[in-house]
Protein backbone atom coordinates (compact mmCIF):
# COMPACT_ATOMS: atom_id res chain seq x y z
CA MET A 1 3.89 -4.16 15.49
CA ARG A 2 1.46 -7.05 15.37
CA THR A 3 1.40 -9.53 12.47
CA LEU A 4 -1.41 -9.37 9.94
CA ARG A 5 -1.95 -13.11 10.27
CA GLY A 6 -2.82 -12.69 13.94
CA SER A 7 -5.39 -10.01 13.11
CA ARG A 8 -7.67 -11.92 10.75
CA THR A 9 -10.65 -11.90 13.09
CA LYS A 10 -10.53 -8.16 13.80
CA THR A 11 -11.74 -5.24 11.73
CA LEU A 12 -8.82 -3.48 10.04
CA ILE A 13 -8.92 0.32 9.71
CA TRP A 14 -6.44 2.71 8.05
CA VAL A 15 -5.92 5.86 10.15
CA GLN A 16 -3.76 8.94 9.63
CA PRO A 17 -2.14 9.65 13.03
CA SER A 18 -1.03 13.15 12.03
CA ARG A 19 -2.60 15.32 9.37
CA TRP A 20 0.79 17.02 8.92
CA ARG A 21 2.55 13.85 7.69
CA ARG A 22 1.88 11.68 4.65
CA GLY A 23 1.61 8.44 6.55
CA TYR A 24 -1.03 5.96 7.69
CA GLU A 25 -1.31 3.08 10.16
CA LEU A 26 -3.40 -0.07 9.71
CA LEU A 27 -5.02 -0.83 13.06
CA ALA A 28 -6.68 -3.99 14.33
CA GLY A 29 -8.40 -2.63 17.39
CA GLU A 30 -5.60 -0.93 19.36
CA ASP A 31 -2.81 -2.90 17.65
CA MET A 32 -0.86 -1.52 14.68
CA CYS A 33 -0.45 -4.13 11.91
CA ALA A 34 1.11 -2.05 9.11
CA GLN A 35 2.43 1.36 8.19
CA LEU A 36 2.18 3.17 4.88
CA PHE A 37 4.36 6.24 4.38
CA PHE A 38 6.02 8.35 1.69
CA PRO A 39 9.80 8.77 2.15
CA GLY A 40 9.87 12.20 0.47
CA MET A 41 7.50 15.13 0.15
CA LEU A 42 7.20 14.94 -3.66
CA CYS A 43 7.77 11.18 -3.86
CA ASN A 44 5.67 8.87 -6.08
CA ARG A 45 6.82 5.86 -4.05
CA ALA A 46 5.01 4.72 -0.92
CA VAL A 47 6.45 2.17 1.48
CA VAL A 48 4.24 -0.39 3.24
CA ARG A 49 5.86 -2.04 6.23
CA THR A 50 4.47 -4.96 8.28
CA ALA A 51 6.05 -7.18 10.90
CA GLU A 52 6.66 -9.80 8.18
CA ASP A 53 7.71 -7.82 5.10
CA GLU A 54 8.07 -4.52 3.25
CA TRP A 55 6.66 -3.48 -0.14
CA PHE A 56 6.99 -0.48 -2.42
CA LEU A 57 4.02 1.08 -4.19
CA ASP A 58 5.17 3.05 -7.24
CA LYS A 59 2.75 5.32 -9.10
CA SER A 60 3.58 5.63 -12.78
CA LEU A 61 3.37 9.06 -14.34
CA THR A 62 1.28 8.14 -17.36
CA PRO A 63 -2.10 9.47 -18.57
CA THR A 64 -3.72 6.29 -17.23
CA PRO A 65 -2.87 5.99 -13.54
CA ARG A 66 -1.12 2.78 -12.48
CA VAL A 67 0.33 1.66 -9.17
CA HIS A 68 3.00 -1.07 -9.22
CA VAL A 69 3.47 -3.19 -6.08
CA ARG A 70 6.95 -4.67 -5.49
CA ARG A 71 8.73 -6.37 -2.65
CA SER A 72 11.51 -4.36 -1.06
CA GLY A 73 14.72 -4.80 -3.07
CA SER A 74 12.96 -6.22 -6.15
CA GLU A 75 12.04 -4.67 -9.51
CA THR A 76 9.46 -7.39 -10.30
CA ASP A 77 5.80 -6.41 -10.01
CA ILE A 78 3.74 -8.65 -7.75
CA ALA A 79 0.60 -6.59 -8.43
CA VAL A 80 -0.51 -3.72 -10.65
CA PHE A 81 -3.51 -1.48 -9.97
CA HIS A 82 -4.85 0.08 -13.20
CA GLY A 83 -6.97 3.18 -12.73
CA HIS A 84 -9.50 4.15 -15.40
CA LEU A 85 -10.59 7.73 -15.10
CA ALA A 86 -13.76 8.38 -17.04
CA TRP A 87 -17.00 9.69 -15.56
CA ARG A 88 -16.21 7.83 -12.36
CA TRP A 89 -13.16 6.21 -10.80
CA ASP A 90 -12.88 2.59 -11.82
CA ALA A 91 -9.97 0.19 -11.56
CA THR A 92 -8.71 -3.29 -12.32
CA TYR A 93 -6.15 -5.23 -10.34
CA GLU A 94 -3.60 -7.84 -11.53
CA TYR A 95 -1.50 -9.96 -9.22
CA GLN A 96 0.81 -12.96 -9.24
CA LEU A 97 0.34 -15.84 -6.84
CA PRO A 98 3.47 -16.67 -4.84
CA GLU A 99 5.41 -19.69 -6.08
């Protein structure tokens, strides 16, 4: 797996290698830079894995959709994606800068 830092000058595209699995690969040309997959069939948690790190994306089961982004092994949010479902899909994004 190639690092994301080494792929800054290339176009990044998410692809689904198999329509039978809930997983995606982030490609920079022919090189894979990241994977996104769901560990279980009915799981609300997605795992994003790169050469440098791993994050969890947890979807909350509330009337207003939210996705919490956390580093692997941590319960602290580093980002939250707030979905607003009205006549169209709209969202806001909060994040913390690394210390």
